[in-house]
PDB file of N, CA and C in Angstrom:
ATOM      1  N   MET A   1    -179.058 169.592 -95.132  1.00  0.00           N
ATOM      2  CA  MET A   1    -178.901 170.781 -94.368  1.00  0.00           C
ATOM      3  C   MET A   1    -177.493 171.277 -94.539  1.00  0.00           C
ATOM      4  N   THR A   2    -177.355 172.568 -94.698  1.00  0.00           N
ATOM      5  CA  THR A   2    -176.050 173.208 -94.876  1.00  0.00           C
ATOM      6  C   THR A   2    -175.902 174.398 -93.954  1.00  0.00           C
ATOM      7  N   VAL A   3    -174.705 174.621 -93.390  1.00  0.00           N
ATOM      8  CA  VAL A   3    -174.427 175.850 -92.691  1.00  0.00           C
ATOM      9  C   VAL A   3    -173.695 176.744 -93.693  1.00  0.00           C
ATOM     10  N   TRP A   4    -174.301 177.883 -93.987  1.00  0.00           N
ATOM     11  CA  TRP A   4    -173.740 178.837 -94.930  1.00  0.00           C
ATOM     12  C   TRP A   4    -173.120 179.968 -94.139  1.00  0.00           C
ATOM     13  N   ILE A   5    -172.021 180.458 -94.601  1.00  0.00           N
ATOM     14  CA  ILE A   5    -171.354 181.591 -93.951  1.00  0.00           C
ATOM     15  C   ILE A   5    -171.254 182.701 -94.979  1.00  0.00           C
ATOM     16  N   LYS A   6    -171.845 183.846 -94.653  1.00  0.00           N
ATOM     17  CA  LYS A   6    -171.872 185.003 -95.569  1.00  0.00           C
ATOM     18  C   LYS A   6    -170.438 185.375 -95.988  1.00  0.00           C
ATOM     19  N   GLN A   7    -170.270 185.708 -97.237  1.00  0.00           N
ATOM     20  CA  GLN A   7    -168.983 186.144 -97.756  1.00  0.00           C
ATOM     21  C   GLN A   7    -168.481 187.317 -96.920  1.00  0.00           C
ATOM     22  N   GLY A   8    -167.228 187.275 -96.472  1.00  0.00           N
ATOM     23  CA  GLY A   8    -166.627 188.322 -95.730  1.00  0.00           C
ATOM     24  C   GLY A   8    -166.663 188.083 -94.221  1.00  0.00           C
ATOM     25  N   VAL A   9    -167.410 187.078 -93.776  1.00  0.00           N
ATOM     26  CA  VAL A   9    -167.423 186.772 -92.344  1.00  0.00           C
ATOM     27  C   VAL A   9    -166.075 186.196 -91.961  1.00  0.00           C
ATOM     28  N   MET A  10    -165.516 186.736 -90.902  1.00  0.00           N
ATOM     29  CA  MET A  10    -164.158 186.319 -90.480  1.00  0.00           C
ATOM     30  C   MET A  10    -164.124 186.007 -89.025  1.00  0.00           C
ATOM     31  N   GLY A  11    -163.086 185.259 -88.620  1.00  0.00           N
ATOM     32  CA  GLY A  11    -162.884 184.953 -87.235  1.00  0.00           C
ATOM     33  C   GLY A  11    -163.387 183.582 -86.877  1.00  0.00           C
ATOM     34  N   CYS A  12    -162.990 183.155 -85.709  1.00  0.00           N
ATOM     35  CA  CYS A  12    -163.449 181.836 -85.259  1.00  0.00           C
ATOM     36  C   CYS A  12    -164.069 182.019 -83.867  1.00  0.00           C
ATOM     37  N   LEU A  13    -164.816 181.065 -83.505  1.00  0.00           N
ATOM     38  CA  LEU A  13    -165.527 181.074 -82.218  1.00  0.00           C
ATOM     39  C   LEU A  13    -164.670 180.291 -81.192  1.00  0.00           C
ATOM     40  N   LYS A  14    -164.759 180.735 -79.958  1.00  0.00           N
ATOM     41  CA  LYS A  14    -164.133 179.974 -78.850  1.00  0.00           C
ATOM     42  C   LYS A  14    -164.953 178.716 -78.622  1.00  0.00           C
ATOM     43  N   PRO A  15    -164.366 177.725 -77.984  1.00  0.00           N
ATOM     44  CA  PRO A  15    -164.991 176.390 -77.869  1.00  0.00           C
ATOM     45  C   PRO A  15    -166.459 176.396 -77.404  1.00  0.00           C
ATOM     46  N   GLN A  16    -166.809 177.120 -76.294  1.00  0.00           N
ATOM     47  CA  GLN A  16    -168.178 177.085 -75.827  1.00  0.00           C
ATOM     48  C   GLN A  16    -169.136 177.660 -76.880  1.00  0.00           C
ATOM     49  N   ALA A  17    -168.770 178.753 -77.522  1.00  0.00           N
ATOM     50  CA  ALA A  17    -169.645 179.311 -78.567  1.00  0.00           C
ATOM     51  C   ALA A  17    -169.735 178.377 -79.736  1.00  0.00           C
ATOM     52  N   ARG A  18    -168.608 177.759 -80.126  1.00  0.00           N
ATOM     53  CA  ARG A  18    -168.610 176.823 -81.217  1.00  0.00           C
ATOM     54  C   ARG A  18    -169.524 175.645 -80.955  1.00  0.00           C
ATOM     55  N   LYS A  19    -169.541 175.152 -79.725  1.00  0.00           N
ATOM     56  CA  LYS A  19    -170.450 174.074 -79.334  1.00  0.00           C
ATOM     57  C   LYS A  19    -171.883 174.543 -79.436  1.00  0.00           C
ATOM     58  N   GLY A  20    -172.177 175.759 -79.041  1.00  0.00           N
ATOM     59  CA  GLY A  20    -173.516 176.298 -79.140  1.00  0.00           C
ATOM     60  C   GLY A  20    -173.945 176.369 -80.582  1.00  0.00           C
ATOM     61  N   LEU A  21    -173.085 176.864 -81.427  1.00  0.00           N
ATOM     62  CA  LEU A  21    -173.455 176.932 -82.852  1.00  0.00           C
ATOM     63  C   LEU A  21    -173.731 175.565 -83.367  1.00  0.00           C
ATOM     64  N   GLY A  22    -172.941 174.558 -82.949  1.00  0.00           N
ATOM     65  CA  GLY A  22    -173.218 173.206 -83.363  1.00  0.00           C
ATOM     66  C   GLY A  22    -174.603 172.672 -82.937  1.00  0.00           C
ATOM     67  N   ARG A  23    -175.018 173.101 -81.739  1.00  0.00           N
ATOM     68  CA  ARG A  23    -176.340 172.752 -81.254  1.00  0.00           C
ATOM     69  C   ARG A  23    -177.410 173.348 -82.103  1.00  0.00           C
ATOM     70  N   VAL A  24    -177.237 174.615 -82.500  1.00  0.00           N
ATOM     71  CA  VAL A  24    -178.185 175.313 -83.360  1.00  0.00           C
ATOM     72  C   VAL A  24    -178.216 174.611 -84.725  1.00  0.00           C
ATOM     73  N   ALA A  25    -177.074 174.254 -85.244  1.00  0.00           N
ATOM     74  CA  ALA A  25    -176.996 173.532 -86.544  1.00  0.00           C
ATOM     75  C   ALA A  25    -177.739 172.213 -86.443  1.00  0.00           C
ATOM     76  N   ASP A  26    -177.610 171.499 -85.322  1.00  0.00           N
ATOM     77  CA  ASP A  26    -178.300 170.256 -85.125  1.00  0.00           C
ATOM     78  C   ASP A  26    -179.820 170.484 -85.104  1.00  0.00           C
ATOM     79  N   LEU A  27    -180.262 171.577 -84.482  1.00  0.00           N
ATOM     80  CA  LEU A  27    -181.657 171.911 -84.461  1.00  0.00           C
ATOM     81  C   LEU A  27    -182.196 172.117 -85.902  1.00  0.00           C
ATOM     82  N   PHE A  28    -181.437 172.887 -86.676  1.00  0.00           N
ATOM     83  CA  PHE A  28    -181.834 173.149 -88.043  1.00  0.00           C
ATOM     84  C   PHE A  28    -181.861 171.876 -88.881  1.00  0.00           C
ATOM     85  N   ALA A  29    -180.915 170.956 -88.597  1.00  0.00           N
ATOM     86  CA  ALA A  29    -180.845 169.711 -89.307  1.00  0.00           C
ATOM     87  C   ALA A  29    -182.100 168.834 -89.049  1.00  0.00           C
ATOM     88  N   THR A  30    -182.744 168.987 -87.896  1.00  0.00           N
ATOM     89  CA  THR A  30    -183.955 168.189 -87.618  1.00  0.00           C
ATOM     90  C   THR A  30    -185.029 168.431 -88.622  1.00  0.00           C
ATOM     91  N   GLU A  31    -185.076 169.640 -89.168  1.00  0.00           N
ATOM     92  CA  GLU A  31    -186.073 170.005 -90.144  1.00  0.00           C
ATOM     93  C   GLU A  31    -185.520 170.214 -91.544  1.00  0.00           C
ATOM     94  N   ASP A  32    -184.222 169.864 -91.700  1.00  0.00           N
ATOM     95  CA  ASP A  32    -183.522 170.029 -92.962  1.00  0.00           C
ATOM     96  C   ASP A  32    -183.543 171.478 -93.480  1.00  0.00           C
ATOM     97  N   HIS A  33    -183.370 172.430 -92.564  1.00  0.00           N
ATOM     98  CA  HIS A  33    -183.324 173.838 -92.887  1.00  0.00           C
ATOM     99  C   HIS A  33    -181.839 174.281 -92.893  1.00  0.00           C
ATOM    100  N   ASP A  34    -181.474 175.067 -93.898  1.00  0.00           N
ATOM    101  CA  ASP A  34    -180.152 175.659 -93.935  1.00  0.00           C
ATOM    102  C   ASP A  34    -179.995 176.747 -92.874  1.00  0.00           C
ATOM    103  N   LEU A  35    -178.778 176.895 -92.374  1.00  0.00           N
ATOM    104  CA  LEU A  35    -178.474 177.915 -91.384  1.00  0.00           C
ATOM    105  C   LEU A  35    -177.517 178.893 -92.009  1.00  0.00           C
ATOM    106  N   PHE A  36    -177.815 180.202 -91.904  1.00  0.00           N
ATOM    107  CA  PHE A  36    -177.001 181.255 -92.514  1.00  0.00           C
ATOM    108  C   PHE A  36    -176.369 182.132 -91.441  1.00  0.00           C
ATOM    109  N   ILE A  37    -175.042 182.048 -91.330  1.00  0.00           N
ATOM    110  CA  ILE A  37    -174.263 182.854 -90.365  1.00  0.00           C
ATOM    111  C   ILE A  37    -173.905 184.135 -91.080  1.00  0.00           C
ATOM    112  N   THR A  38    -174.246 185.276 -90.458  1.00  0.00           N
ATOM    113  CA  THR A  38    -174.009 186.601 -91.095  1.00  0.00           C
ATOM    114  C   THR A  38    -172.890 187.361 -90.459  1.00  0.00           C
ATOM    115  N   SER A  39    -172.417 186.976 -89.274  1.00  0.00           N
ATOM    116  CA  SER A  39    -171.329 187.687 -88.618  1.00  0.00           C
ATOM    117  C   SER A  39    -170.717 186.855 -87.521  1.00  0.00           C
ATOM    118  N   ILE A  40    -169.391 186.956 -87.368  1.00  0.00           N
ATOM    119  CA  ILE A  40    -168.701 186.361 -86.234  1.00  0.00           C
ATOM    120  C   ILE A  40    -167.884 187.507 -85.575  1.00  0.00           C
ATOM    121  N   ARG A  41    -166.672 187.715 -86.009  1.00  0.00           N
ATOM    122  CA  ARG A  41    -165.854 188.745 -85.393  1.00  0.00           C
ATOM    123  C   ARG A  41    -165.750 190.049 -86.174  1.00  0.00           C
ATOM    124  N   GLU A  42    -166.046 190.015 -87.440  1.00  0.00           N
ATOM    125  CA  GLU A  42    -165.885 191.193 -88.308  1.00  0.00           C
ATOM    126  C   GLU A  42    -167.032 192.167 -88.097  1.00  0.00           C
ATOM    127  N   GLY A  43    -166.874 193.352 -88.608  1.00  0.00           N
ATOM    128  CA  GLY A  43    -167.963 194.318 -88.614  1.00  0.00           C
ATOM    129  C   GLY A  43    -167.964 195.157 -87.358  1.00  0.00           C
ATOM    130  N   THR A  44    -168.966 195.984 -87.262  1.00  0.00           N
ATOM    131  CA  THR A  44    -169.163 196.877 -86.121  1.00  0.00           C
ATOM    132  C   THR A  44    -170.291 196.346 -85.283  1.00  0.00           C
ATOM    133  N   HIS A  45    -170.086 196.222 -84.008  1.00  0.00           N
ATOM    134  CA  HIS A  45    -171.083 195.693 -83.115  1.00  0.00           C
ATOM    135  C   HIS A  45    -171.270 196.624 -81.920  1.00  0.00           C
ATOM    136  N   LYS A  46    -172.326 196.432 -81.180  1.00  0.00           N
ATOM    137  CA  LYS A  46    -172.601 197.287 -80.018  1.00  0.00           C
ATOM    138  C   LYS A  46    -171.484 197.218 -78.988  1.00  0.00           C
ATOM    139  N   ALA A  47    -171.401 198.284 -78.181  1.00  0.00           N
ATOM    140  CA  ALA A  47    -170.435 198.301 -77.107  1.00  0.00           C
ATOM    141  C   ALA A  47    -170.653 197.113 -76.199  1.00  0.00           C
ATOM    142  N   GLY A  48    -169.579 196.476 -75.802  1.00  0.00           N
ATOM    143  CA  GLY A  48    -169.659 195.309 -74.917  1.00  0.00           C
ATOM    144  C   GLY A  48    -169.964 194.020 -75.663  1.00  0.00           C
ATOM    145  N   SER A  49    -170.042 194.077 -76.948  1.00  0.00           N
ATOM    146  CA  SER A  49    -170.347 192.886 -77.761  1.00  0.00           C
ATOM    147  C   SER A  49    -169.283 191.793 -77.525  1.00  0.00           C
ATOM    148  N   LEU A  50    -169.756 190.574 -77.472  1.00  0.00           N
ATOM    149  CA  LEU A  50    -168.870 189.425 -77.338  1.00  0.00           C
ATOM    150  C   LEU A  50    -168.397 188.859 -78.689  1.00  0.00           C
ATOM    151  N   HIS A  51    -168.790 189.532 -79.771  1.00  0.00           N
ATOM    152  CA  HIS A  51    -168.282 189.154 -81.097  1.00  0.00           C
ATOM    153  C   HIS A  51    -166.743 189.182 -81.111  1.00  0.00           C
ATOM    154  N   TYR A  52    -166.225 190.245 -80.561  1.00  0.00           N
ATOM    155  CA  TYR A  52    -164.742 190.473 -80.670  1.00  0.00           C
ATOM    156  C   TYR A  52    -163.963 189.481 -79.810  1.00  0.00           C
ATOM    157  N   ASP A  53    -164.684 188.817 -78.867  1.00  0.00           N
ATOM    158  CA  ASP A  53    -164.030 187.810 -78.064  1.00  0.00           C
ATOM    159  C   ASP A  53    -164.252 186.372 -78.582  1.00  0.00           C
ATOM    160  N   GLY A  54    -164.925 186.262 -79.701  1.00  0.00           N
ATOM    161  CA  GLY A  54    -165.181 184.936 -80.264  1.00  0.00           C
ATOM    162  C   GLY A  54    -166.239 184.188 -79.542  1.00  0.00           C
ATOM    163  N   GLN A  55    -167.130 184.917 -78.846  1.00  0.00           N
ATOM    164  CA  GLN A  55    -168.191 184.290 -78.058  1.00  0.00           C
ATOM    165  C   GLN A  55    -169.592 184.546 -78.616  1.00  0.00           C
ATOM    166  N   ALA A  56    -169.683 185.138 -79.834  1.00  0.00           N
ATOM    167  CA  ALA A  56    -170.975 185.505 -80.367  1.00  0.00           C
ATOM    168  C   ALA A  56    -170.993 185.345 -81.876  1.00  0.00           C
ATOM    169  N   TRP A  57    -172.173 185.088 -82.373  1.00  0.00           N
ATOM    170  CA  TRP A  57    -172.380 185.076 -83.829  1.00  0.00           C
ATOM    171  C   TRP A  57    -173.783 185.602 -84.109  1.00  0.00           C
ATOM    172  N   ASP A  58    -173.987 186.033 -85.361  1.00  0.00           N
ATOM    173  CA  ASP A  58    -175.310 186.458 -85.836  1.00  0.00           C
ATOM    174  C   ASP A  58    -175.724 185.494 -86.924  1.00  0.00           C
ATOM    175  N   MET A  59    -177.033 185.292 -86.999  1.00  0.00           N
ATOM    176  CA  MET A  59    -177.607 184.472 -88.063  1.00  0.00           C
ATOM    177  C   MET A  59    -178.825 185.134 -88.655  1.00  0.00           C
ATOM    178  N   GLN A  60    -179.234 184.656 -89.782  1.00  0.00           N
ATOM    179  CA  GLN A  60    -180.325 185.262 -90.485  1.00  0.00           C
ATOM    180  C   GLN A  60    -181.542 185.386 -89.592  1.00  0.00           C
ATOM    181  N   ASP A  61    -182.383 186.383 -89.941  1.00  0.00           N
ATOM    182  CA  ASP A  61    -183.545 186.606 -89.094  1.00  0.00           C
ATOM    183  C   ASP A  61    -184.803 185.872 -89.572  1.00  0.00           C
ATOM    184  N   ASP A  62    -184.723 185.177 -90.666  1.00  0.00           N
ATOM    185  CA  ASP A  62    -185.918 184.493 -91.188  1.00  0.00           C
ATOM    186  C   ASP A  62    -185.856 183.011 -90.847  1.00  0.00           C
ATOM    187  N   VAL A  63    -185.407 182.729 -89.655  1.00  0.00           N
ATOM    188  CA  VAL A  63    -185.260 181.327 -89.247  1.00  0.00           C
ATOM    189  C   VAL A  63    -186.640 180.677 -89.107  1.00  0.00           C
ATOM    190  N   LYS A  64    -186.644 179.382 -89.222  1.00  0.00           N
ATOM    191  CA  LYS A  64    -187.868 178.595 -89.201  1.00  0.00           C
ATOM    192  C   LYS A  64    -188.243 178.172 -87.813  1.00  0.00           C
ATOM    193  N   PHE A  65    -187.446 178.521 -86.830  1.00  0.00           N
ATOM    194  CA  PHE A  65    -187.674 178.075 -85.469  1.00  0.00           C
ATOM    195  C   PHE A  65    -187.990 179.271 -84.582  1.00  0.00           C
ATOM    196  N   GLN A  66    -188.735 179.015 -83.540  1.00  0.00           N
ATOM    197  CA  GLN A  66    -189.041 180.057 -82.552  1.00  0.00           C
ATOM    198  C   GLN A  66    -187.816 180.307 -81.732  1.00  0.00           C
ATOM    199  N   LEU A  67    -187.680 181.565 -81.217  1.00  0.00           N
ATOM    200  CA  LEU A  67    -186.557 181.904 -80.349  1.00  0.00           C
ATOM    201  C   LEU A  67    -186.435 180.947 -79.176  1.00  0.00           C
ATOM    202  N   LEU A  68    -187.571 180.529 -78.603  1.00  0.00           N
ATOM    203  CA  LEU A  68    -187.542 179.608 -77.499  1.00  0.00           C
ATOM    204  C   LEU A  68    -186.858 178.308 -77.863  1.00  0.00           C
ATOM    205  N   GLU A  69    -187.130 177.785 -79.068  1.00  0.00           N
ATOM    206  CA  GLU A  69    -186.490 176.532 -79.505  1.00  0.00           C
ATOM    207  C   GLU A  69    -184.978 176.715 -79.599  1.00  0.00           C
ATOM    208  N   ILE A  70    -184.573 177.877 -80.104  1.00  0.00           N
ATOM    209  CA  ILE A  70    -183.125 178.144 -80.240  1.00  0.00           C
ATOM    210  C   ILE A  70    -182.508 178.258 -78.837  1.00  0.00           C
ATOM    211  N   ARG A  71    -183.142 178.949 -77.965  1.00  0.00           N
ATOM    212  CA  ARG A  71    -182.655 179.086 -76.586  1.00  0.00           C
ATOM    213  C   ARG A  71    -182.544 177.722 -75.923  1.00  0.00           C
ATOM    214  N   GLU A  72    -183.521 176.878 -76.086  1.00  0.00           N
ATOM    215  CA  GLU A  72    -183.485 175.534 -75.493  1.00  0.00           C
ATOM    216  C   GLU A  72    -182.360 174.717 -76.081  1.00  0.00           C
ATOM    217  N   ALA A  73    -182.152 174.817 -77.383  1.00  0.00           N
ATOM    218  CA  ALA A  73    -181.051 174.067 -78.015  1.00  0.00           C
ATOM    219  C   ALA A  73    -179.705 174.510 -77.488  1.00  0.00           C
ATOM    220  N   LEU A  74    -179.563 175.776 -77.264  1.00  0.00           N
ATOM    221  CA  LEU A  74    -178.268 176.304 -76.757  1.00  0.00           C
ATOM    222  C   LEU A  74    -178.034 175.962 -75.329  1.00  0.00           C
ATOM    223  N   GLY A  75    -179.032 176.033 -74.519  1.00  0.00           N
ATOM    224  CA  GLY A  75    -178.890 175.680 -73.114  1.00  0.00           C
ATOM    225  C   GLY A  75    -178.425 176.853 -72.282  1.00  0.00           C
ATOM    226  N   PRO A  76    -178.091 176.550 -70.989  1.00  0.00           N
ATOM    227  CA  PRO A  76    -177.712 177.641 -70.076  1.00  0.00           C
ATOM    228  C   PRO A  76    -176.424 178.315 -70.494  1.00  0.00           C
ATOM    229  N   GLY A  77    -176.354 179.623 -70.181  1.00  0.00           N
ATOM    230  CA  GLY A  77    -175.149 180.390 -70.430  1.00  0.00           C
ATOM    231  C   GLY A  77    -175.219 181.145 -71.779  1.00  0.00           C
ATOM    232  N   PHE A  78    -176.247 180.877 -72.581  1.00  0.00           N
ATOM    233  CA  PHE A  78    -176.382 181.558 -73.862  1.00  0.00           C
ATOM    234  C   PHE A  78    -177.479 182.568 -73.855  1.00  0.00           C
ATOM    235  N   ASP A  79    -177.279 183.675 -74.541  1.00  0.00           N
ATOM    236  CA  ASP A  79    -178.330 184.668 -74.791  1.00  0.00           C
ATOM    237  C   ASP A  79    -178.681 184.587 -76.270  1.00  0.00           C
ATOM    238  N   VAL A  80    -179.954 184.728 -76.545  1.00  0.00           N
ATOM    239  CA  VAL A  80    -180.468 184.772 -77.899  1.00  0.00           C
ATOM    240  C   VAL A  80    -181.264 186.099 -78.004  1.00  0.00           C
ATOM    241  N   VAL A  81    -180.804 187.029 -78.841  1.00  0.00           N
ATOM    242  CA  VAL A  81    -181.406 188.339 -78.904  1.00  0.00           C
ATOM    243  C   VAL A  81    -181.886 188.666 -80.314  1.00  0.00           C
ATOM    244  N   PRO A  82    -183.181 188.859 -80.480  1.00  0.00           N
ATOM    245  CA  PRO A  82    -183.648 189.276 -81.818  1.00  0.00           C
ATOM    246  C   PRO A  82    -183.260 190.732 -82.091  1.00  0.00           C
ATOM    247  N   GLU A  83    -182.596 190.954 -83.178  1.00  0.00           N
ATOM    248  CA  GLU A  83    -182.200 192.332 -83.599  1.00  0.00           C
ATOM    249  C   GLU A  83    -183.072 192.710 -84.790  1.00  0.00           C
ATOM    250  N   ILE A  84    -182.875 193.898 -85.348  1.00  0.00           N
ATOM    251  CA  ILE A  84    -183.699 194.367 -86.441  1.00  0.00           C
ATOM    252  C   ILE A  84    -183.629 193.471 -87.666  1.00  0.00           C
ATOM    253  N   ASP A  85    -182.424 193.056 -88.043  1.00  0.00           N
ATOM    254  CA  ASP A  85    -182.259 192.255 -89.262  1.00  0.00           C
ATOM    255  C   ASP A  85    -181.506 190.929 -89.072  1.00  0.00           C
ATOM    256  N   HIS A  86    -181.330 190.499 -87.809  1.00  0.00           N
ATOM    257  CA  HIS A  86    -180.689 189.210 -87.561  1.00  0.00           C
ATOM    258  C   HIS A  86    -181.014 188.741 -86.125  1.00  0.00           C
ATOM    259  N   ILE A  87    -180.558 187.540 -85.826  1.00  0.00           N
ATOM    260  CA  ILE A  87    -180.633 187.049 -84.476  1.00  0.00           C
ATOM    261  C   ILE A  87    -179.198 186.912 -83.949  1.00  0.00           C
ATOM    262  N   HIS A  88    -179.011 187.491 -82.777  1.00  0.00           N
ATOM    263  CA  HIS A  88    -177.683 187.504 -82.147  1.00  0.00           C
ATOM    264  C   HIS A  88    -177.662 186.412 -81.096  1.00  0.00           C
ATOM    265  N   CYS A  89    -176.657 185.549 -81.121  1.00  0.00           N
ATOM    266  CA  CYS A  89    -176.459 184.487 -80.138  1.00  0.00           C
ATOM    267  C   CYS A  89    -175.078 184.666 -79.503  1.00  0.00           C
ATOM    268  N   GLU A  90    -175.049 184.535 -78.189  1.00  0.00           N
ATOM    269  CA  GLU A  90    -173.718 184.672 -77.560  1.00  0.00           C
ATOM    270  C   GLU A  90    -173.662 183.814 -76.295  1.00  0.00           C
ATOM    271  N   TYR A  91    -172.406 183.363 -76.038  1.00  0.00           N
ATOM    272  CA  TYR A  91    -172.142 182.621 -74.804  1.00  0.00           C
ATOM    273  C   TYR A  91    -171.725 183.631 -73.747  1.00  0.00           C
ATOM    274  N   ASP A  92    -172.584 183.806 -72.772  1.00  0.00           N
ATOM    275  CA  ASP A  92    -172.324 184.811 -71.732  1.00  0.00           C
ATOM    276  C   ASP A  92    -172.896 184.293 -70.411  1.00  0.00           C
ATOM    277  N   PRO A  93    -172.201 183.312 -69.794  1.00  0.00           N
ATOM    278  CA  PRO A  93    -172.735 182.763 -68.546  1.00  0.00           C
ATOM    279  C   PRO A  93    -172.756 183.840 -67.453  1.00  0.00           C
ATOM    280  N   LYS A  94    -173.799 183.876 -66.697  1.00  0.00           N
ATOM    281  CA  LYS A  94    -173.967 184.883 -65.668  1.00  0.00           C
ATOM    282  C   LYS A  94    -173.477 184.316 -64.313  1.00  0.00           C
TER     283      LYS A  94
END
C-alpha cells in the first residue's frame, strides 16, 4: 500500500488532520489499496474551507471504501464530504 500525493500538492497538515489522514491510510492498508491525495493547501477551495488552515485534504473519488467506513476510521470531529470529482476530509470539531 502506498500513499501517493499528486504532483503540485503543497502544504502540510496540522497534527489532528495528519492523524486523521494516518487513520485513512491504515484503512486503505487493510485491503492493500493505494491512497491518492489530490489537494492539501494549494488550489482554490470553497469559502470557509479548512484547507488553508491545514485541517483538510482531498483524495481521489474512486476509493474502494464506503464513505461510512472512512468516517468511522476518522472518528469524531471529522467531516467526510463527497464532491464532484474527489472526497473532501476535514478536521472540524463542533
